[in-house]
Amino acid sequence: MLPTLAWITLLSTTALAAAAPARFGHFGLDVPARGFEGHCLKLEAVEPIHYRFRATGEVDFNIHYHRGKDVHYPVKTNASQTVDSTFTAPQADDYCLMGERNGDGAVRIEGSVDRIKP
């Protein structure tokens, strides 16, 4: 059995890893049937990004951020299988690119998100 300090360290490390924002570049998401999965990034105010993905089936796609209990959706599309676009953050925040599957069967999303250099 692990000593108490070892358990606290393990749980703290796991919690920090789960809270850390995702990186720029390639991402892959496995979206379950009637479920959702997201890839989150910290963006600065007016920071532009280029994002694209290809999914093995249709997903509703959005970019969102949270303000208290409210969720804001500056980007929303329905029944998309491919997306290739840009987005500029209106304010500094954590933003999530999310795919939601409303139909049967899981879907794999392969994509990337990159900073646009001025």
PDB file of N, CA and C in Angstrom:
ATOM      1  N   MET A   1       0.836  -1.176   0.000  1.00  0.00           N
ATOM      2  CA  MET A   1       0.000   0.000   0.000  1.00  0.00           C
ATOM      3  C   MET A   1       0.885   1.244   0.000  1.00  0.00           C
ATOM      4  N   LEU A   2       0.483   2.241  -0.822  1.00  0.00           N
ATOM      5  CA  LEU A   2       1.270   3.461  -0.920  1.00  0.00           C
ATOM      6  C   LEU A   2       1.084   4.326   0.319  1.00  0.00           C
ATOM      7  N   PRO A   3       2.134   4.954   0.770  1.00  0.00           N
ATOM      8  CA  PRO A   3       1.993   5.902   1.881  1.00  0.00           C
ATOM      9  C   PRO A   3       1.094   7.062   1.466  1.00  0.00           C
ATOM     10  N   THR A   4       0.494   7.725   2.445  1.00  0.00           N
ATOM     11  CA  THR A   4      -0.441   8.822   2.200  1.00  0.00           C
ATOM     12  C   THR A   4       0.168   9.913   1.328  1.00  0.00           C
ATOM     13  N   LEU A   5       1.400  10.306   1.576  1.00  0.00           N
ATOM     14  CA  LEU A   5       2.047  11.359   0.790  1.00  0.00           C
ATOM     15  C   LEU A   5       2.159  10.950  -0.678  1.00  0.00           C
ATOM     16  N   ALA A   6       2.456   9.689  -0.938  1.00  0.00           N
ATOM     17  CA  ALA A   6       2.561   9.210  -2.324  1.00  0.00           C
ATOM     18  C   ALA A   6       1.211   9.302  -3.019  1.00  0.00           C
ATOM     19  N   TRP A   7       0.121   8.954  -2.335  1.00  0.00           N
ATOM     20  CA  TRP A   7      -1.217   9.051  -2.919  1.00  0.00           C
ATOM     21  C   TRP A   7      -1.576  10.501  -3.217  1.00  0.00           C
ATOM     22  N   ILE A   8      -1.267  11.401  -2.293  1.00  0.00           N
ATOM     23  CA  ILE A   8      -1.561  12.825  -2.505  1.00  0.00           C
ATOM     24  C   ILE A   8      -0.797  13.353  -3.713  1.00  0.00           C
ATOM     25  N   THR A   9       0.465  12.976  -3.833  1.00  0.00           N
ATOM     26  CA  THR A   9       1.276  13.405  -4.974  1.00  0.00           C
ATOM     27  C   THR A   9       0.704  12.864  -6.272  1.00  0.00           C
ATOM     28  N   LEU A  10       0.332  11.584  -6.278  1.00  0.00           N
ATOM     29  CA  LEU A  10      -0.228  10.959  -7.477  1.00  0.00           C
ATOM     30  C   LEU A  10      -1.523  11.646  -7.885  1.00  0.00           C
ATOM     31  N   LEU A  11      -2.430  11.889  -6.932  1.00  0.00           N
ATOM     32  CA  LEU A  11      -3.705  12.532  -7.244  1.00  0.00           C
ATOM     33  C   LEU A  11      -3.509  13.973  -7.703  1.00  0.00           C
ATOM     34  N   SER A  12      -2.596  14.708  -7.100  1.00  0.00           N
ATOM     35  CA  SER A  12      -2.326  16.092  -7.498  1.00  0.00           C
ATOM     36  C   SER A  12      -1.787  16.160  -8.909  1.00  0.00           C
ATOM     37  N   THR A  13      -0.860  15.266  -9.245  1.00  0.00           N
ATOM     38  CA  THR A  13      -0.280  15.222 -10.584  1.00  0.00           C
ATOM     39  C   THR A  13      -1.336  14.888 -11.614  1.00  0.00           C
ATOM     40  N   THR A  14      -2.219  13.930 -11.308  1.00  0.00           N
ATOM     41  CA  THR A  14      -3.286  13.547 -12.227  1.00  0.00           C
ATOM     42  C   THR A  14      -4.244  14.708 -12.444  1.00  0.00           C
ATOM     43  N   ALA A  15      -4.614  15.411 -11.385  1.00  0.00           N
ATOM     44  CA  ALA A  15      -5.530  16.551 -11.511  1.00  0.00           C
ATOM     45  C   ALA A  15      -4.915  17.666 -12.342  1.00  0.00           C
ATOM     46  N   LEU A  16      -3.634  17.956 -12.151  1.00  0.00           N
ATOM     47  CA  LEU A  16      -2.974  18.999 -12.937  1.00  0.00           C
ATOM     48  C   LEU A  16      -2.905  18.616 -14.405  1.00  0.00           C
ATOM     49  N   ALA A  17      -2.619  17.356 -14.692  1.00  0.00           N
ATOM     50  CA  ALA A  17      -2.548  16.913 -16.085  1.00  0.00           C
ATOM     51  C   ALA A  17      -3.900  17.048 -16.759  1.00  0.00           C
ATOM     52  N   ALA A  18      -4.981  16.727 -16.039  1.00  0.00           N
ATOM     53  CA  ALA A  18      -6.320  16.823 -16.612  1.00  0.00           C
ATOM     54  C   ALA A  18      -6.709  18.276 -16.860  1.00  0.00           C
ATOM     55  N   ALA A  19      -6.225  19.204 -16.046  1.00  0.00           N
ATOM     56  CA  ALA A  19      -6.599  20.608 -16.178  1.00  0.00           C
ATOM     57  C   ALA A  19      -5.734  21.356 -17.187  1.00  0.00           C
ATOM     58  N   ALA A  20      -4.599  20.793 -17.571  1.00  0.00           N
ATOM     59  CA  ALA A  20      -3.682  21.473 -18.480  1.00  0.00           C
ATOM     60  C   ALA A  20      -4.306  21.603 -19.861  1.00  0.00           C
ATOM     61  N   PRO A  21      -4.179  22.787 -20.489  1.00  0.00           N
ATOM     62  CA  PRO A  21      -4.732  22.951 -21.832  1.00  0.00           C
ATOM     63  C   PRO A  21      -3.963  22.121 -22.848  1.00  0.00           C
ATOM     64  N   ALA A  22      -4.663  21.739 -23.902  1.00  0.00           N
ATOM     65  CA  ALA A  22      -4.061  20.951 -24.973  1.00  0.00           C
ATOM     66  C   ALA A  22      -3.057  21.801 -25.741  1.00  0.00           C
ATOM     67  N   ARG A  23      -2.283  21.156 -26.546  1.00  0.00           N
ATOM     68  CA  ARG A  23      -1.256  21.848 -27.339  1.00  0.00           C
ATOM     69  C   ARG A  23      -1.764  22.173 -28.736  1.00  0.00           C
ATOM     70  N   PHE A  24      -1.033  23.076 -29.366  1.00  0.00           N
ATOM     71  CA  PHE A  24      -1.287  23.366 -30.772  1.00  0.00           C
ATOM     72  C   PHE A  24      -0.722  22.216 -31.593  1.00  0.00           C
ATOM     73  N   GLY A  25      -1.137  22.109 -32.832  1.00  0.00           N
ATOM     74  CA  GLY A  25      -0.686  21.039 -33.709  1.00  0.00           C
ATOM     75  C   GLY A  25      -1.769  19.988 -33.863  1.00  0.00           C
ATOM     76  N   HIS A  26      -1.348  18.771 -34.125  1.00  0.00           N
ATOM     77  CA  HIS A  26      -2.267  17.661 -34.389  1.00  0.00           C
ATOM     78  C   HIS A  26      -3.039  17.264 -33.144  1.00  0.00           C
ATOM     79  N   PHE A  27      -4.287  16.872 -33.356  1.00  0.00           N
ATOM     80  CA  PHE A  27      -5.081  16.271 -32.285  1.00  0.00           C
ATOM     81  C   PHE A  27      -5.959  15.180 -32.865  1.00  0.00           C
ATOM     82  N   GLY A  28      -6.316  14.230 -32.046  1.00  0.00           N
ATOM     83  CA  GLY A  28      -7.226  13.158 -32.417  1.00  0.00           C
ATOM     84  C   GLY A  28      -8.246  12.967 -31.316  1.00  0.00           C
ATOM     85  N   LEU A  29      -9.503  12.803 -31.706  1.00  0.00           N
ATOM     86  CA  LEU A  29     -10.580  12.627 -30.737  1.00  0.00           C
ATOM     87  C   LEU A  29     -11.424  11.424 -31.124  1.00  0.00           C
ATOM     88  N   ASP A  30     -11.782  10.616 -30.143  1.00  0.00           N
ATOM     89  CA  ASP A  30     -12.725   9.526 -30.338  1.00  0.00           C
ATOM     90  C   ASP A  30     -14.045   9.950 -29.709  1.00  0.00           C
ATOM     91  N   VAL A  31     -15.036  10.212 -30.561  1.00  0.00           N
ATOM     92  CA  VAL A  31     -16.331  10.715 -30.107  1.00  0.00           C
ATOM     93  C   VAL A  31     -17.308   9.538 -30.081  1.00  0.00           C
ATOM     94  N   PRO A  32     -17.836   9.209 -28.899  1.00  0.00           N
ATOM     95  CA  PRO A  32     -18.771   8.090 -28.815  1.00  0.00           C
ATOM     96  C   PRO A  32     -20.136   8.437 -29.400  1.00  0.00           C
ATOM     97  N   ALA A  33     -20.920   7.425 -29.756  1.00  0.00           N
ATOM     98  CA  ALA A  33     -22.289   7.638 -30.216  1.00  0.00           C
ATOM     99  C   ALA A  33     -23.041   8.433 -29.162  1.00  0.00           C
ATOM    100  N   ARG A  34     -23.764   9.452 -29.617  1.00  0.00           N
ATOM    101  CA  ARG A  34     -24.538  10.319 -28.725  1.00  0.00           C
ATOM    102  C   ARG A  34     -23.691  10.910 -27.597  1.00  0.00           C
ATOM    103  N   GLY A  35     -22.447  11.238 -27.933  1.00  0.00           N
ATOM    104  CA  GLY A  35     -21.530  11.815 -26.954  1.00  0.00           C
ATOM    105  C   GLY A  35     -20.726  12.936 -27.581  1.00  0.00           C
ATOM    106  N   PHE A  36     -19.763  13.428 -26.832  1.00  0.00           N
ATOM    107  CA  PHE A  36     -18.934  14.519 -27.332  1.00  0.00           C
ATOM    108  C   PHE A  36     -17.524  14.386 -26.782  1.00  0.00           C
ATOM    109  N   GLU A  37     -16.608  15.073 -27.453  1.00  0.00           N
ATOM    110  CA  GLU A  37     -15.200  15.095 -27.051  1.00  0.00           C
ATOM    111  C   GLU A  37     -14.619  16.417 -27.527  1.00  0.00           C
ATOM    112  N   GLY A  38     -13.683  16.970 -26.756  1.00  0.00           N
ATOM    113  CA  GLY A  38     -13.140  18.273 -27.109  1.00  0.00           C
ATOM    114  C   GLY A  38     -11.635  18.373 -26.975  1.00  0.00           C
ATOM    115  N   HIS A  39     -11.096  19.379 -27.616  1.00  0.00           N
ATOM    116  CA  HIS A  39      -9.667  19.704 -27.607  1.00  0.00           C
ATOM    117  C   HIS A  39      -9.578  21.178 -27.206  1.00  0.00           C
ATOM    118  N   CYS A  40      -9.026  21.462 -26.033  1.00  0.00           N
ATOM    119  CA  CYS A  40      -9.054  22.824 -25.488  1.00  0.00           C
ATOM    120  C   CYS A  40      -7.693  23.503 -25.547  1.00  0.00           C
ATOM    121  N   LEU A  41      -7.728  24.819 -25.736  1.00  0.00           N
ATOM    122  CA  LEU A  41      -6.527  25.634 -25.871  1.00  0.00           C
ATOM    123  C   LEU A  41      -6.691  26.945 -25.126  1.00  0.00           C
ATOM    124  N   LYS A  42      -5.612  27.478 -24.630  1.00  0.00           N
ATOM    125  CA  LYS A  42      -5.617  28.814 -24.037  1.00  0.00           C
ATOM    126  C   LYS A  42      -5.223  29.786 -25.149  1.00  0.00           C
ATOM    127  N   LEU A  43      -6.095  30.761 -25.411  1.00  0.00           N
ATOM    128  CA  LEU A  43      -5.834  31.770 -26.432  1.00  0.00           C
ATOM    129  C   LEU A  43      -5.823  33.154 -25.798  1.00  0.00           C
ATOM    130  N   GLU A  44      -5.002  34.015 -26.349  1.00  0.00           N
ATOM    131  CA  GLU A  44      -4.952  35.416 -25.922  1.00  0.00           C
ATOM    132  C   GLU A  44      -6.011  36.210 -26.688  1.00  0.00           C
ATOM    133  N   ALA A  45      -6.359  37.387 -26.197  1.00  0.00           N
ATOM    134  CA  ALA A  45      -7.323  38.253 -26.884  1.00  0.00           C
ATOM    135  C   ALA A  45      -6.817  38.562 -28.290  1.00  0.00           C
ATOM    136  N   VAL A  46      -7.697  38.493 -29.248  1.00  0.00           N
ATOM    137  CA  VAL A  46      -7.474  38.699 -30.686  1.00  0.00           C
ATOM    138  C   VAL A  46      -6.395  37.784 -31.277  1.00  0.00           C
ATOM    139  N   GLU A  47      -6.135  36.664 -30.642  1.00  0.00           N
ATOM    140  CA  GLU A  47      -5.190  35.690 -31.204  1.00  0.00           C
ATOM    141  C   GLU A  47      -5.906  34.850 -32.258  1.00  0.00           C
ATOM    142  N   PRO A  48      -5.403  34.843 -33.501  1.00  0.00           N
ATOM    143  CA  PRO A  48      -6.038  34.049 -34.551  1.00  0.00           C
ATOM    144  C   PRO A  48      -5.455  32.637 -34.629  1.00  0.00           C
ATOM    145  N   ILE A  49      -6.316  31.678 -34.960  1.00  0.00           N
ATOM    146  CA  ILE A  49      -5.878  30.297 -35.173  1.00  0.00           C
ATOM    147  C   ILE A  49      -6.461  29.773 -36.484  1.00  0.00           C
ATOM    148  N   HIS A  50      -5.805  28.786 -37.039  1.00  0.00           N
ATOM    149  CA  HIS A  50      -6.309  28.040 -38.186  1.00  0.00           C
ATOM    150  C   HIS A  50      -6.603  26.638 -37.680  1.00  0.00           C
ATOM    151  N   TYR A  51      -7.833  26.164 -37.882  1.00  0.00           N
ATOM    152  CA  TYR A  51      -8.199  24.821 -37.432  1.00  0.00           C
ATOM    153  C   TYR A  51      -8.808  24.034 -38.584  1.00  0.00           C
ATOM    154  N   ARG A  52      -8.586  22.745 -38.556  1.00  0.00           N
ATOM    155  CA  ARG A  52      -9.141  21.858 -39.582  1.00  0.00           C
ATOM    156  C   ARG A  52      -9.272  20.468 -38.999  1.00  0.00           C
ATOM    157  N   PHE A  53     -10.241  19.725 -39.512  1.00  0.00           N
ATOM    158  CA  PHE A  53     -10.370  18.326 -39.115  1.00  0.00           C
ATOM    159  C   PHE A  53     -11.131  17.546 -40.170  1.00  0.00           C
ATOM    160  N   ARG A  54     -10.971  16.257 -40.089  1.00  0.00           N
ATOM    161  CA  ARG A  54     -11.729  15.311 -40.910  1.00  0.00           C
ATOM    162  C   ARG A  54     -12.256  14.248 -39.946  1.00  0.00           C
ATOM    163  N   ALA A  55     -13.551  13.953 -40.041  1.00  0.00           N
ATOM    164  CA  ALA A  55     -14.184  12.967 -39.170  1.00  0.00           C
ATOM    165  C   ALA A  55     -14.667  11.780 -40.007  1.00  0.00           C
ATOM    166  N   THR A  56     -14.732  10.623 -39.386  1.00  0.00           N
ATOM    167  CA  THR A  56     -15.187   9.415 -40.076  1.00  0.00           C
ATOM    168  C   THR A  56     -16.709   9.362 -40.195  1.00  0.00           C
ATOM    169  N   GLY A  57     -17.393  10.325 -39.611  1.00  0.00           N
ATOM    170  CA  GLY A  57     -18.850  10.448 -39.696  1.00  0.00           C
ATOM    171  C   GLY A  57     -19.232  11.879 -39.334  1.00  0.00           C
ATOM    172  N   GLU A  58     -20.493  12.206 -39.473  1.00  0.00           N
ATOM    173  CA  GLU A  58     -20.942  13.571 -39.208  1.00  0.00           C
ATOM    174  C   GLU A  58     -20.933  13.897 -37.716  1.00  0.00           C
ATOM    175  N   VAL A  59     -20.462  15.105 -37.400  1.00  0.00           N
ATOM    176  CA  VAL A  59     -20.482  15.617 -36.028  1.00  0.00           C
ATOM    177  C   VAL A  59     -20.965  17.067 -36.057  1.00  0.00           C
ATOM    178  N   ASP A  60     -21.604  17.470 -34.986  1.00  0.00           N
ATOM    179  CA  ASP A  60     -21.876  18.883 -34.777  1.00  0.00           C
ATOM    180  C   ASP A  60     -20.606  19.437 -34.156  1.00  0.00           C
ATOM    181  N   PHE A  61     -20.104  20.529 -34.706  1.00  0.00           N
ATOM    182  CA  PHE A  61     -18.821  21.081 -34.267  1.00  0.00           C
ATOM    183  C   PHE A  61     -19.039  22.469 -33.688  1.00  0.00           C
ATOM    184  N   ASN A  62     -18.290  22.786 -32.633  1.00  0.00           N
ATOM    185  CA  ASN A  62     -18.339  24.137 -32.093  1.00  0.00           C
ATOM    186  C   ASN A  62     -17.008  24.514 -31.463  1.00  0.00           C
ATOM    187  N   ILE A  63     -16.815  25.815 -31.346  1.00  0.00           N
ATOM    188  CA  ILE A  63     -15.745  26.364 -30.515  1.00  0.00           C
ATOM    189  C   ILE A  63     -16.474  27.128 -29.434  1.00  0.00           C
ATOM    190  N   HIS A  64     -16.146  26.835 -28.177  1.00  0.00           N
ATOM    191  CA  HIS A  64     -16.848  27.489 -27.076  1.00  0.00           C
ATOM    192  C   HIS A  64     -15.906  27.838 -25.934  1.00  0.00           C
ATOM    193  N   TYR A  65     -16.407  28.691 -25.053  1.00  0.00           N
ATOM    194  CA  TYR A  65     -15.705  29.038 -23.823  1.00  0.00           C
ATOM    195  C   TYR A  65     -16.753  29.275 -22.730  1.00  0.00           C
ATOM    196  N   HIS A  66     -16.313  29.231 -21.496  1.00  0.00           N
ATOM    197  CA  HIS A  66     -17.213  29.344 -20.345  1.00  0.00           C
ATOM    198  C   HIS A  66     -17.017  30.680 -19.636  1.00  0.00           C
ATOM    199  N   ARG A  67     -18.114  31.282 -19.214  1.00  0.00           N
ATOM    200  CA  ARG A  67     -18.120  32.481 -18.378  1.00  0.00           C
ATOM    201  C   ARG A  67     -19.043  32.164 -17.213  1.00  0.00           C
ATOM    202  N   GLY A  68     -18.455  31.757 -16.092  1.00  0.00           N
ATOM    203  CA  GLY A  68     -19.278  31.331 -14.964  1.00  0.00           C
ATOM    204  C   GLY A  68     -20.086  30.106 -15.365  1.00  0.00           C
ATOM    205  N   LYS A  69     -21.399  30.183 -15.229  1.00  0.00           N
ATOM    206  CA  LYS A  69     -22.274  29.062 -15.610  1.00  0.00           C
ATOM    207  C   LYS A  69     -22.720  29.135 -17.064  1.00  0.00           C
ATOM    208  N   ASP A  70     -22.380  30.234 -17.751  1.00  0.00           N
ATOM    209  CA  ASP A  70     -22.782  30.417 -19.146  1.00  0.00           C
ATOM    210  C   ASP A  70     -21.729  29.849 -20.090  1.00  0.00           C
ATOM    211  N   VAL A  71     -22.197  29.266 -21.186  1.00  0.00           N
ATOM    212  CA  VAL A  71     -21.309  28.768 -22.237  1.00  0.00           C
ATOM    213  C   VAL A  71     -21.569  29.602 -23.485  1.00  0.00           C
ATOM    214  N   HIS A  72     -20.494  30.134 -24.073  1.00  0.00           N
ATOM    215  CA  HIS A  72     -20.599  30.975 -25.267  1.00  0.00           C
ATOM    216  C   HIS A  72     -20.047  30.198 -26.461  1.00  0.00           C
ATOM    217  N   TYR A  73     -20.757  30.271 -27.587  1.00  0.00           N
ATOM    218  CA  TYR A  73     -20.406  29.540 -28.805  1.00  0.00           C
ATOM    219  C   TYR A  73     -20.131  30.504 -29.952  1.00  0.00           C
ATOM    220  N   PRO A  74     -18.904  30.999 -30.085  1.00  0.00           N
ATOM    221  CA  PRO A  74     -18.624  31.886 -31.216  1.00  0.00           C
ATOM    222  C   PRO A  74     -18.622  31.166 -32.567  1.00  0.00           C
ATOM    223  N   VAL A  75     -18.477  29.830 -32.560  1.00  0.00           N
ATOM    224  CA  VAL A  75     -18.504  29.040 -33.804  1.00  0.00           C
ATOM    225  C   VAL A  75     -19.385  27.815 -33.572  1.00  0.00           C
ATOM    226  N   LYS A  76     -20.335  27.573 -34.508  1.00  0.00           N
ATOM    227  CA  LYS A  76     -21.184  26.377 -34.450  1.00  0.00           C
ATOM    228  C   LYS A  76     -21.493  25.903 -35.865  1.00  0.00           C
ATOM    229  N   THR A  77     -21.326  24.611 -36.106  1.00  0.00           N
ATOM    230  CA  THR A  77     -21.750  24.013 -37.371  1.00  0.00           C
ATOM    231  C   THR A  77     -22.465  22.705 -37.062  1.00  0.00           C
ATOM    232  N   ASN A  78     -23.355  22.302 -37.953  1.00  0.00           N
ATOM    233  CA  ASN A  78     -24.097  21.054 -37.774  1.00  0.00           C
ATOM    234  C   ASN A  78     -23.717  20.047 -38.846  1.00  0.00           C
ATOM    235  N   ALA A  79     -23.719  18.776 -38.458  1.00  0.00           N
ATOM    236  CA  ALA A  79     -23.524  17.657 -39.387  1.00  0.00           C
ATOM    237  C   ALA A  79     -22.327  17.850 -40.314  1.00  0.00           C
ATOM    238  N   SER A  80     -21.176  18.140 -39.736  1.00  0.00           N
ATOM    239  CA  SER A  80     -19.953  18.351 -40.517  1.00  0.00           C
ATOM    240  C   SER A  80     -19.077  17.106 -40.487  1.00  0.00           C
ATOM    241  N   GLN A  81     -18.421  16.859 -41.605  1.00  0.00           N
ATOM    242  CA  GLN A  81     -17.444  15.780 -41.654  1.00  0.00           C
ATOM    243  C   GLN A  81     -16.041  16.331 -41.877  1.00  0.00           C
ATOM    244  N   THR A  82     -15.965  17.526 -42.461  1.00  0.00           N
ATOM    245  CA  THR A  82     -14.689  18.222 -42.619  1.00  0.00           C
ATOM    246  C   THR A  82     -14.889  19.700 -42.311  1.00  0.00           C
ATOM    247  N   VAL A  83     -13.880  20.296 -41.723  1.00  0.00           N
ATOM    248  CA  VAL A  83     -13.880  21.724 -41.439  1.00  0.00           C
ATOM    249  C   VAL A  83     -12.472  22.240 -41.691  1.00  0.00           C
ATOM    250  N   ASP A  84     -12.372  23.411 -42.286  1.00  0.00           N
ATOM    251  CA  ASP A  84     -11.083  24.072 -42.520  1.00  0.00           C
ATOM    252  C   ASP A  84     -11.363  25.565 -42.464  1.00  0.00           C
ATOM    253  N   SER A  85     -10.997  26.207 -41.343  1.00  0.00           N
ATOM    254  CA  SER A  85     -11.380  27.595 -41.157  1.00  0.00           C
ATOM    255  C   SER A  85     -10.420  28.294 -40.198  1.00  0.00           C
ATOM    256  N   THR A  86     -10.722  29.562 -39.926  1.00  0.00           N
ATOM    257  CA  THR A  86      -9.943  30.353 -38.971  1.00  0.00           C
ATOM    258  C   THR A  86     -10.883  30.900 -37.906  1.00  0.00           C
ATOM    259  N   PHE A  87     -10.299  31.268 -36.783  1.00  0.00           N
ATOM    260  CA  PHE A  87     -11.041  31.835 -35.666  1.00  0.00           C
ATOM    261  C   PHE A  87     -10.127  32.802 -34.943  1.00  0.00           C
ATOM    262  N   THR A  88     -10.674  33.939 -34.528  1.00  0.00           N
ATOM    263  CA  THR A  88      -9.932  34.903 -33.721  1.00  0.00           C
ATOM    264  C   THR A  88     -10.623  35.029 -32.375  1.00  0.00           C
ATOM    265  N   ALA A  89      -9.880  34.776 -31.324  1.00  0.00           N
ATOM    266  CA  ALA A  89     -10.438  34.824 -29.971  1.00  0.00           C
ATOM    267  C   ALA A  89     -10.867  36.248 -29.630  1.00  0.00           C
ATOM    268  N   PRO A  90     -12.108  36.444 -29.193  1.00  0.00           N
ATOM    269  CA  PRO A  90     -12.545  37.790 -28.829  1.00  0.00           C
ATOM    270  C   PRO A  90     -11.923  38.288 -27.530  1.00  0.00           C
ATOM    271  N   GLN A  91     -11.478  37.362 -26.693  1.00  0.00           N
ATOM    272  CA  GLN A  91     -10.863  37.716 -25.406  1.00  0.00           C
ATOM    273  C   GLN A  91      -9.952  36.589 -24.965  1.00  0.00           C
ATOM    274  N   ALA A  92      -9.054  36.863 -24.049  1.00  0.00           N
ATOM    275  CA  ALA A  92      -8.179  35.825 -23.517  1.00  0.00           C
ATOM    276  C   ALA A  92      -9.016  34.842 -22.706  1.00  0.00           C
ATOM    277  N   ASP A  93      -8.872  33.547 -23.021  1.00  0.00           N
ATOM    278  CA  ASP A  93      -9.664  32.529 -22.324  1.00  0.00           C
ATOM    279  C   ASP A  93      -9.220  31.152 -22.774  1.00  0.00           C
ATOM    280  N   ASP A  94      -9.792  30.124 -22.144  1.00  0.00           N
ATOM    281  CA  ASP A  94      -9.630  28.741 -22.591  1.00  0.00           C
ATOM    282  C   ASP A  94     -10.772  28.449 -23.549  1.00  0.00           C
ATOM    283  N   TYR A  95     -10.437  28.023 -24.763  1.00  0.00           N
ATOM    284  CA  TYR A  95     -11.420  27.716 -25.788  1.00  0.00           C
ATOM    285  C   TYR A  95     -11.353  26.232 -26.103  1.00  0.00           C
ATOM    286  N   CYS A  96     -12.514  25.618 -26.353  1.00  0.00           N
ATOM    287  CA  CYS A  96     -12.555  24.202 -26.695  1.00  0.00           C
ATOM    288  C   CYS A  96     -13.153  24.011 -28.080  1.00  0.00           C
ATOM    289  N   LEU A  97     -12.450  23.239 -28.902  1.00  0.00           N
ATOM    290  CA  LEU A  97     -12.967  22.791 -30.182  1.00  0.00           C
ATOM    291  C   LEU A  97     -13.633  21.463 -29.882  1.00  0.00           C
ATOM    292  N   MET A  98     -14.945  21.357 -30.107  1.00  0.00           N
ATOM    293  CA  MET A  98     -15.674  20.178 -29.673  1.00  0.00           C
ATOM    294  C   MET A  98     -16.477  19.562 -30.807  1.00  0.00           C
ATOM    295  N   GLY A  99     -16.410  18.244 -30.880  1.00  0.00           N
ATOM    296  CA  GLY A  99     -17.247  17.481 -31.789  1.00  0.00           C
ATOM    297  C   GLY A  99     -18.278  16.711 -30.995  1.00  0.00           C
ATOM    298  N   GLU A 100     -19.543  16.768 -31.448  1.00  0.00           N
ATOM    299  CA  GLU A 100     -20.624  16.050 -30.778  1.00  0.00           C
ATOM    300  C   GLU A 100     -21.295  15.129 -31.784  1.00  0.00           C
ATOM    301  N   ARG A 101     -21.456  13.885 -31.401  1.00  0.00           N
ATOM    302  CA  ARG A 101     -22.075  12.871 -32.255  1.00  0.00           C
ATOM    303  C   ARG A 101     -23.502  12.654 -31.787  1.00  0.00           C
ATOM    304  N   ASN A 102     -24.472  12.904 -32.669  1.00  0.00           N
ATOM    305  CA  ASN A 102     -25.871  12.705 -32.324  1.00  0.00           C
ATOM    306  C   ASN A 102     -26.404  11.363 -32.820  1.00  0.00           C
ATOM    307  N   GLY A 103     -25.657  10.707 -33.684  1.00  0.00           N
ATOM    308  CA  GLY A 103     -26.121   9.458 -34.271  1.00  0.00           C
ATOM    309  C   GLY A 103     -25.486   8.234 -33.644  1.00  0.00           C
ATOM    310  N   ASP A 104     -25.787   7.099 -34.259  1.00  0.00           N
ATOM    311  CA  ASP A 104     -25.226   5.822 -33.817  1.00  0.00           C
ATOM    312  C   ASP A 104     -23.778   5.704 -34.260  1.00  0.00           C
ATOM    313  N   GLY A 105     -23.030   4.911 -33.547  1.00  0.00           N
ATOM    314  CA  GLY A 105     -21.651   4.627 -33.919  1.00  0.00           C
ATOM    315  C   GLY A 105     -20.688   5.728 -33.520  1.00  0.00           C
ATOM    316  N   ALA A 106     -19.539   5.311 -33.053  1.00  0.00           N
ATOM    317  CA  ALA A 106     -18.478   6.244 -32.675  1.00  0.00           C
ATOM    318  C   ALA A 106     -17.850   6.854 -33.926  1.00  0.00           C
ATOM    319  N   VAL A 107     -17.222   7.997 -33.758  1.00  0.00           N
ATOM    320  CA  VAL A 107     -16.571   8.708 -34.848  1.00  0.00           C
ATOM    321  C   VAL A 107     -15.157   9.091 -34.401  1.00  0.00           C
ATOM    322  N   ARG A 108     -14.205   8.983 -35.300  1.00  0.00           N
ATOM    323  CA  ARG A 108     -12.834   9.431 -35.046  1.00  0.00           C
ATOM    324  C   ARG A 108     -12.633  10.755 -35.751  1.00  0.00           C
ATOM    325  N   ILE A 109     -12.096  11.734 -35.025  1.00  0.00           N
ATOM    326  CA  ILE A 109     -11.751  13.037 -35.600  1.00  0.00           C
ATOM    327  C   ILE A 109     -10.241  13.177 -35.582  1.00  0.00           C
ATOM    328  N   GLU A 110      -9.649  13.486 -36.723  1.00  0.00           N
ATOM    329  CA  GLU A 110      -8.221  13.801 -36.836  1.00  0.00           C
ATOM    330  C   GLU A 110      -8.130  15.236 -37.312  1.00  0.00           C
ATOM    331  N   GLY A 111      -7.385  16.051 -36.586  1.00  0.00           N
ATOM    332  CA  GLY A 111      -7.314  17.446 -36.976  1.00  0.00           C
ATOM    333  C   GLY A 111      -6.062  18.132 -36.483  1.00  0.00           C
ATOM    334  N   SER A 112      -6.029  19.435 -36.693  1.00  0.00           N
ATOM    335  CA  SER A 112      -4.917  20.247 -36.209  1.00  0.00           C
ATOM    336  C   SER A 112      -5.410  21.662 -35.965  1.00  0.00           C
ATOM    337  N   VAL A 113      -4.706  22.340 -35.084  1.00  0.00           N
ATOM    338  CA  VAL A 113      -4.979  23.741 -34.807  1.00  0.00           C
ATOM    339  C   VAL A 113      -3.634  24.440 -34.661  1.00  0.00           C
ATOM    340  N   ASP A 114      -3.475  25.526 -35.387  1.00  0.00           N
ATOM    341  CA  ASP A 114      -2.195  26.231 -35.429  1.00  0.00           C
ATOM    342  C   ASP A 114      -2.389  27.723 -35.241  1.00  0.00           C
ATOM    343  N   ARG A 115      -1.422  28.344 -34.612  1.00  0.00           N
ATOM    344  CA  ARG A 115      -1.425  29.801 -34.501  1.00  0.00           C
ATOM    345  C   ARG A 115      -1.180  30.392 -35.881  1.00  0.00           C
ATOM    346  N   ILE A 116      -1.831  31.514 -36.148  1.00  0.00           N
ATOM    347  CA  ILE A 116      -1.579  32.257 -37.370  1.00  0.00           C
ATOM    348  C   ILE A 116      -0.626  33.373 -37.003  1.00  0.00           C
ATOM    349  N   LYS A 117       0.532  33.368 -37.625  1.00  0.00           N
ATOM    350  CA  LYS A 117       1.546  34.377 -37.322  1.00  0.00           C
ATOM    351  C   LYS A 117       1.206  35.674 -38.057  1.00  0.00           C
ATOM    352  N   PRO A 118       1.340  36.815 -37.358  1.00  0.00           N
ATOM    353  CA  PRO A 118       1.003  38.100 -37.997  1.00  0.00           C
ATOM    354  C   PRO A 118       1.984  38.464 -39.102  1.00  0.00           C
TER     355      PRO A 118
END
